[in-house]
Amino acid sequence: MLDADALAARQGRAEDVLIAATIKLTNNLTAKAGYRLLDGGVANASVYTYSMLHYGVVEVLINLD
């Protein structure tokens, strides 16, 4: 799975990218694990700030149907 969002403007930019794998464990239980990158910031005459965050993601989905 690949999920990406980005926004760019004259003042700055932002990106959010997720790369993950989904595994169906049972009919009612699904697990997802992956890597996420958040990056961006702003640069103008009064403010300069940028950040880059990397982290792992784990999700468990339980279907109650």
PDB file of N, CA and C in Angstrom:
ATOM      1  N   MET A   1       0.834  -1.158   0.000  1.00  0.00           N
ATOM      2  CA  MET A   1       0.000   0.000   0.000  1.00  0.00           C
ATOM      3  C   MET A   1       0.891   1.236   0.000  1.00  0.00           C
ATOM      4  N   LEU A   2       0.559   2.195  -0.805  1.00  0.00           N
ATOM      5  CA  LEU A   2       1.246   3.483  -0.852  1.00  0.00           C
ATOM      6  C   LEU A   2       0.200   4.576  -0.747  1.00  0.00           C
ATOM      7  N   ASP A   3       0.359   5.466   0.225  1.00  0.00           N
ATOM      8  CA  ASP A   3      -0.555   6.587   0.419  1.00  0.00           C
ATOM      9  C   ASP A   3       0.301   7.835   0.560  1.00  0.00           C
ATOM     10  N   ALA A   4       0.051   8.842  -0.274  1.00  0.00           N
ATOM     11  CA  ALA A   4       0.869  10.051  -0.242  1.00  0.00           C
ATOM     12  C   ALA A   4       0.005  11.288  -0.427  1.00  0.00           C
ATOM     13  N   ASP A   5       0.330  12.312   0.341  1.00  0.00           N
ATOM     14  CA  ASP A   5      -0.296  13.632   0.227  1.00  0.00           C
ATOM     15  C   ASP A   5       0.815  14.663   0.206  1.00  0.00           C
ATOM     16  N   ALA A   6       0.633  15.715  -0.566  1.00  0.00           N
ATOM     17  CA  ALA A   6       1.630  16.787  -0.620  1.00  0.00           C
ATOM     18  C   ALA A   6       0.939  18.105  -0.923  1.00  0.00           C
ATOM     19  N   LEU A   7       1.535  19.170  -0.427  1.00  0.00           N
ATOM     20  CA  LEU A   7       1.038  20.508  -0.667  1.00  0.00           C
ATOM     21  C   LEU A   7       2.233  21.438  -0.778  1.00  0.00           C
ATOM     22  N   ALA A   8       2.239  22.266  -1.798  1.00  0.00           N
ATOM     23  CA  ALA A   8       3.325  23.222  -1.982  1.00  0.00           C
ATOM     24  C   ALA A   8       2.744  24.603  -2.235  1.00  0.00           C
ATOM     25  N   ALA A   9       3.397  25.597  -1.674  1.00  0.00           N
ATOM     26  CA  ALA A   9       3.000  26.989  -1.858  1.00  0.00           C
ATOM     27  C   ALA A   9       4.263  27.847  -1.864  1.00  0.00           C
ATOM     28  N   ARG A  10       4.116  29.089  -2.168  1.00  0.00           N
ATOM     29  CA  ARG A  10       5.250  29.990  -2.174  1.00  0.00           C
ATOM     30  C   ARG A  10       5.904  30.073  -0.792  1.00  0.00           C
ATOM     31  N   GLN A  11       5.111  29.944   0.265  1.00  0.00           N
ATOM     32  CA  GLN A  11       5.611  30.054   1.630  1.00  0.00           C
ATOM     33  C   GLN A  11       6.285  28.786   2.148  1.00  0.00           C
ATOM     34  N   GLY A  12       5.928  27.615   1.622  1.00  0.00           N
ATOM     35  CA  GLY A  12       6.499  26.378   2.141  1.00  0.00           C
ATOM     36  C   GLY A  12       5.891  25.159   1.490  1.00  0.00           C
ATOM     37  N   ARG A  13       6.119  24.002   2.115  1.00  0.00           N
ATOM     38  CA  ARG A  13       5.634  22.750   1.553  1.00  0.00           C
ATOM     39  C   ARG A  13       5.383  21.751   2.674  1.00  0.00           C
ATOM     40  N   ALA A  14       4.652  20.677   2.357  1.00  0.00           N
ATOM     41  CA  ALA A  14       4.412  19.590   3.298  1.00  0.00           C
ATOM     42  C   ALA A  14       4.187  18.306   2.514  1.00  0.00           C
ATOM     43  N   GLU A  15       4.774  17.219   3.002  1.00  0.00           N
ATOM     44  CA  GLU A  15       4.569  15.891   2.415  1.00  0.00           C
ATOM     45  C   GLU A  15       4.253  14.898   3.526  1.00  0.00           C
ATOM     46  N   ASP A  16       3.399  13.948   3.215  1.00  0.00           N
ATOM     47  CA  ASP A  16       3.031  12.862   4.120  1.00  0.00           C
ATOM     48  C   ASP A  16       2.959  11.601   3.269  1.00  0.00           C
ATOM     49  N   VAL A  17       3.884  10.668   3.486  1.00  0.00           N
ATOM     50  CA  VAL A  17       3.973   9.449   2.674  1.00  0.00           C
ATOM     51  C   VAL A  17       3.950   8.238   3.598  1.00  0.00           C
ATOM     52  N   LEU A  18       3.096   7.261   3.274  1.00  0.00           N
ATOM     53  CA  LEU A  18       3.003   6.010   4.023  1.00  0.00           C
ATOM     54  C   LEU A  18       3.205   4.850   3.062  1.00  0.00           C
ATOM     55  N   ILE A  19       4.115   3.954   3.408  1.00  0.00           N
ATOM     56  CA  ILE A  19       4.314   2.696   2.691  1.00  0.00           C
ATOM     57  C   ILE A  19       4.033   1.588   3.697  1.00  0.00           C
ATOM     58  N   ALA A  20       3.059   0.717   3.396  1.00  0.00           N
ATOM     59  CA  ALA A  20       2.641  -0.287   4.371  1.00  0.00           C
ATOM     60  C   ALA A  20       2.217  -1.574   3.680  1.00  0.00           C
ATOM     61  N   ALA A  21       2.243  -2.639   4.455  1.00  0.00           N
ATOM     62  CA  ALA A  21       1.749  -3.944   4.009  1.00  0.00           C
ATOM     63  C   ALA A  21       0.558  -4.329   4.880  1.00  0.00           C
ATOM     64  N   THR A  22      -0.482  -4.862   4.263  1.00  0.00           N
ATOM     65  CA  THR A  22      -1.682  -5.291   4.975  1.00  0.00           C
ATOM     66  C   THR A  22      -1.794  -6.805   4.889  1.00  0.00           C
ATOM     67  N   ILE A  23      -2.074  -7.432   6.023  1.00  0.00           N
ATOM     68  CA  ILE A  23      -2.193  -8.891   6.087  1.00  0.00           C
ATOM     69  C   ILE A  23      -3.534  -9.243   6.727  1.00  0.00           C
ATOM     70  N   LYS A  24      -4.328 -10.056   6.046  1.00  0.00           N
ATOM     71  CA  LYS A  24      -5.594 -10.531   6.613  1.00  0.00           C
ATOM     72  C   LYS A  24      -5.289 -11.754   7.462  1.00  0.00           C
ATOM     73  N   LEU A  25      -5.445 -11.634   8.777  1.00  0.00           N
ATOM     74  CA  LEU A  25      -5.116 -12.720   9.697  1.00  0.00           C
ATOM     75  C   LEU A  25      -6.256 -13.727   9.819  1.00  0.00           C
ATOM     76  N   THR A  26      -7.482 -13.225   9.953  1.00  0.00           N
ATOM     77  CA  THR A  26      -8.684 -14.065   9.978  1.00  0.00           C
ATOM     78  C   THR A  26      -9.762 -13.312   9.203  1.00  0.00           C
ATOM     79  N   ASN A  27     -10.976 -13.865   9.165  1.00  0.00           N
ATOM     80  CA  ASN A  27     -12.070 -13.169   8.483  1.00  0.00           C
ATOM     81  C   ASN A  27     -12.410 -11.840   9.141  1.00  0.00           C
ATOM     82  N   ASN A  28     -12.158 -11.716  10.448  1.00  0.00           N
ATOM     83  CA  ASN A  28     -12.519 -10.512  11.179  1.00  0.00           C
ATOM     84  C   ASN A  28     -11.322  -9.694  11.673  1.00  0.00           C
ATOM     85  N   LEU A  29     -10.117 -10.111  11.359  1.00  0.00           N
ATOM     86  CA  LEU A  29      -8.930  -9.441  11.895  1.00  0.00           C
ATOM     87  C   LEU A  29      -7.909  -9.179  10.789  1.00  0.00           C
ATOM     88  N   THR A  30      -7.529  -7.911  10.653  1.00  0.00           N
ATOM     89  CA  THR A  30      -6.546  -7.489   9.649  1.00  0.00           C
ATOM     90  C   THR A  30      -5.472  -6.671  10.342  1.00  0.00           C
ATOM     91  N   ALA A  31      -4.220  -6.838   9.919  1.00  0.00           N
ATOM     92  CA  ALA A  31      -3.097  -6.083  10.485  1.00  0.00           C
ATOM     93  C   ALA A  31      -2.385  -5.328   9.376  1.00  0.00           C
ATOM     94  N   LYS A  32      -1.880  -4.142   9.723  1.00  0.00           N
ATOM     95  CA  LYS A  32      -1.117  -3.326   8.780  1.00  0.00           C
ATOM     96  C   LYS A  32       0.134  -2.828   9.487  1.00  0.00           C
ATOM     97  N   ALA A  33       1.282  -2.881   8.804  1.00  0.00           N
ATOM     98  CA  ALA A  33       2.539  -2.366   9.348  1.00  0.00           C
ATOM     99  C   ALA A  33       3.268  -1.641   8.240  1.00  0.00           C
ATOM    100  N   GLY A  34       3.911  -0.535   8.602  1.00  0.00           N
ATOM    101  CA  GLY A  34       4.605   0.221   7.571  1.00  0.00           C
ATOM    102  C   GLY A  34       5.486   1.322   8.113  1.00  0.00           C
ATOM    103  N   TYR A  35       5.877   2.193   7.215  1.00  0.00           N
ATOM    104  CA  TYR A  35       6.805   3.299   7.474  1.00  0.00           C
ATOM    105  C   TYR A  35       6.160   4.585   6.990  1.00  0.00           C
ATOM    106  N   ARG A  36       6.248   5.641   7.800  1.00  0.00           N
ATOM    107  CA  ARG A  36       5.651   6.921   7.443  1.00  0.00           C
ATOM    108  C   ARG A  36       6.700   8.025   7.521  1.00  0.00           C
ATOM    109  N   LEU A  37       6.636   8.936   6.554  1.00  0.00           N
ATOM    110  CA  LEU A  37       7.527  10.088   6.494  1.00  0.00           C
ATOM    111  C   LEU A  37       6.677  11.352   6.435  1.00  0.00           C
ATOM    112  N   LEU A  38       6.894  12.245   7.390  1.00  0.00           N
ATOM    113  CA  LEU A  38       6.288  13.578   7.382  1.00  0.00           C
ATOM    114  C   LEU A  38       7.417  14.581   7.205  1.00  0.00           C
ATOM    115  N   ASP A  39       7.281  15.465   6.238  1.00  0.00           N
ATOM    116  CA  ASP A  39       8.345  16.408   5.927  1.00  0.00           C
ATOM    117  C   ASP A  39       7.736  17.720   5.477  1.00  0.00           C
ATOM    118  N   GLY A  40       8.363  18.819   5.845  1.00  0.00           N
ATOM    119  CA  GLY A  40       7.879  20.099   5.357  1.00  0.00           C
ATOM    120  C   GLY A  40       8.227  21.246   6.268  1.00  0.00           C
ATOM    121  N   GLY A  41       7.771  22.418   5.875  1.00  0.00           N
ATOM    122  CA  GLY A  41       8.028  23.608   6.664  1.00  0.00           C
ATOM    123  C   GLY A  41       7.739  24.865   5.882  1.00  0.00           C
ATOM    124  N   VAL A  42       8.230  25.971   6.428  1.00  0.00           N
ATOM    125  CA  VAL A  42       7.980  27.274   5.838  1.00  0.00           C
ATOM    126  C   VAL A  42       9.261  28.104   5.899  1.00  0.00           C
ATOM    127  N   ALA A  43       9.452  28.931   4.903  1.00  0.00           N
ATOM    128  CA  ALA A  43      10.592  29.850   4.878  1.00  0.00           C
ATOM    129  C   ALA A  43      10.123  31.170   4.277  1.00  0.00           C
ATOM    130  N   ASN A  44      10.151  32.200   5.083  1.00  0.00           N
ATOM    131  CA  ASN A  44       9.841  33.537   4.585  1.00  0.00           C
ATOM    132  C   ASN A  44      10.678  34.557   5.355  1.00  0.00           C
ATOM    133  N   ALA A  45      10.361  35.831   5.259  1.00  0.00           N
ATOM    134  CA  ALA A  45      11.185  36.873   5.876  1.00  0.00           C
ATOM    135  C   ALA A  45      11.191  36.798   7.404  1.00  0.00           C
ATOM    136  N   SER A  46      10.119  36.314   8.029  1.00  0.00           N
ATOM    137  CA  SER A  46      10.064  36.310   9.488  1.00  0.00           C
ATOM    138  C   SER A  46      10.134  34.921  10.124  1.00  0.00           C
ATOM    139  N   VAL A  47       9.909  33.861   9.357  1.00  0.00           N
ATOM    140  CA  VAL A  47       9.877  32.510   9.929  1.00  0.00           C
ATOM    141  C   VAL A  47      10.670  31.562   9.035  1.00  0.00           C
ATOM    142  N   TYR A  48      11.478  30.704   9.672  1.00  0.00           N
ATOM    143  CA  TYR A  48      12.136  29.616   8.964  1.00  0.00           C
ATOM    144  C   TYR A  48      12.031  28.385   9.848  1.00  0.00           C
ATOM    145  N   THR A  49      11.272  27.413   9.428  1.00  0.00           N
ATOM    146  CA  THR A  49      11.140  26.188  10.200  1.00  0.00           C
ATOM    147  C   THR A  49      10.871  25.016   9.254  1.00  0.00           C
ATOM    148  N   TYR A  50      11.645  23.975   9.403  1.00  0.00           N
ATOM    149  CA  TYR A  50      11.449  22.736   8.650  1.00  0.00           C
ATOM    150  C   TYR A  50      11.594  21.562   9.599  1.00  0.00           C
ATOM    151  N   SER A  51      10.882  20.498   9.329  1.00  0.00           N
ATOM    152  CA  SER A  51      11.012  19.291  10.133  1.00  0.00           C
ATOM    153  C   SER A  51      10.844  18.071   9.241  1.00  0.00           C
ATOM    154  N   MET A  52      11.461  16.990   9.665  1.00  0.00           N
ATOM    155  CA  MET A  52      11.332  15.709   8.978  1.00  0.00           C
ATOM    156  C   MET A  52      11.181  14.640  10.050  1.00  0.00           C
ATOM    157  N   LEU A  53      10.060  13.933  10.025  1.00  0.00           N
ATOM    158  CA  LEU A  53       9.767  12.899  10.999  1.00  0.00           C
ATOM    159  C   LEU A  53       9.639  11.559  10.287  1.00  0.00           C
ATOM    160  N   HIS A  54      10.275  10.539  10.832  1.00  0.00           N
ATOM    161  CA  HIS A  54      10.194   9.166  10.321  1.00  0.00           C
ATOM    162  C   HIS A  54       9.690   8.296  11.472  1.00  0.00           C
ATOM    163  N   TYR A  55       8.739   7.407  11.197  1.00  0.00           N
ATOM    164  CA  TYR A  55       8.306   6.505  12.249  1.00  0.00           C
ATOM    165  C   TYR A  55       7.591   5.296  11.668  1.00  0.00           C
ATOM    166  N   GLY A  56       7.534   4.248  12.459  1.00  0.00           N
ATOM    167  CA  GLY A  56       6.828   3.034  12.083  1.00  0.00           C
ATOM    168  C   GLY A  56       5.364   3.125  12.462  1.00  0.00           C
ATOM    169  N   VAL A  57       4.518   2.426  11.702  1.00  0.00           N
ATOM    170  CA  VAL A  57       3.076   2.437  11.921  1.00  0.00           C
ATOM    171  C   VAL A  57       2.589   0.994  12.035  1.00  0.00           C
ATOM    172  N   VAL A  58       1.781   0.727  13.047  1.00  0.00           N
ATOM    173  CA  VAL A  58       1.140  -0.585  13.208  1.00  0.00           C
ATOM    174  C   VAL A  58      -0.344  -0.339  13.461  1.00  0.00           C
ATOM    175  N   GLU A  59      -1.192  -1.060  12.726  1.00  0.00           N
ATOM    176  CA  GLU A  59      -2.635  -0.906  12.852  1.00  0.00           C
ATOM    177  C   GLU A  59      -3.269  -2.276  12.894  1.00  0.00           C
ATOM    178  N   VAL A  60      -4.262  -2.433  13.778  1.00  0.00           N
ATOM    179  CA  VAL A  60      -5.050  -3.662  13.837  1.00  0.00           C
ATOM    180  C   VAL A  60      -6.511  -3.285  13.636  1.00  0.00           C
ATOM    181  N   LEU A  61      -7.156  -3.924  12.688  1.00  0.00           N
ATOM    182  CA  LEU A  61      -8.556  -3.649  12.373  1.00  0.00           C
ATOM    183  C   LEU A  61      -9.382  -4.888  12.719  1.00  0.00           C
ATOM    184  N   ILE A  62     -10.400  -4.693  13.555  1.00  0.00           N
ATOM    185  CA  ILE A  62     -11.299  -5.777  13.950  1.00  0.00           C
ATOM    186  C   ILE A  62     -12.674  -5.489  13.347  1.00  0.00           C
ATOM    187  N   ASN A  63     -13.165  -6.416  12.539  1.00  0.00           N
ATOM    188  CA  ASN A  63     -14.478  -6.303  11.919  1.00  0.00           C
ATOM    189  C   ASN A  63     -15.504  -6.974  12.823  1.00  0.00           C
ATOM    190  N   LEU A  64     -16.474  -6.208  13.306  1.00  0.00           N
ATOM    191  CA  LEU A  64     -17.467  -6.739  14.259  1.00  0.00           C
ATOM    192  C   LEU A  64     -18.763  -7.181  13.587  1.00  0.00           C
ATOM    193  N   ASP A  65     -18.788  -7.352  12.296  1.00  0.00           N
ATOM    194  CA  ASP A  65     -20.014  -7.791  11.589  1.00  0.00           C
ATOM    195  C   ASP A  65     -20.406  -9.186  11.947  1.00  0.00           C
TER     196      ASP A  65
END
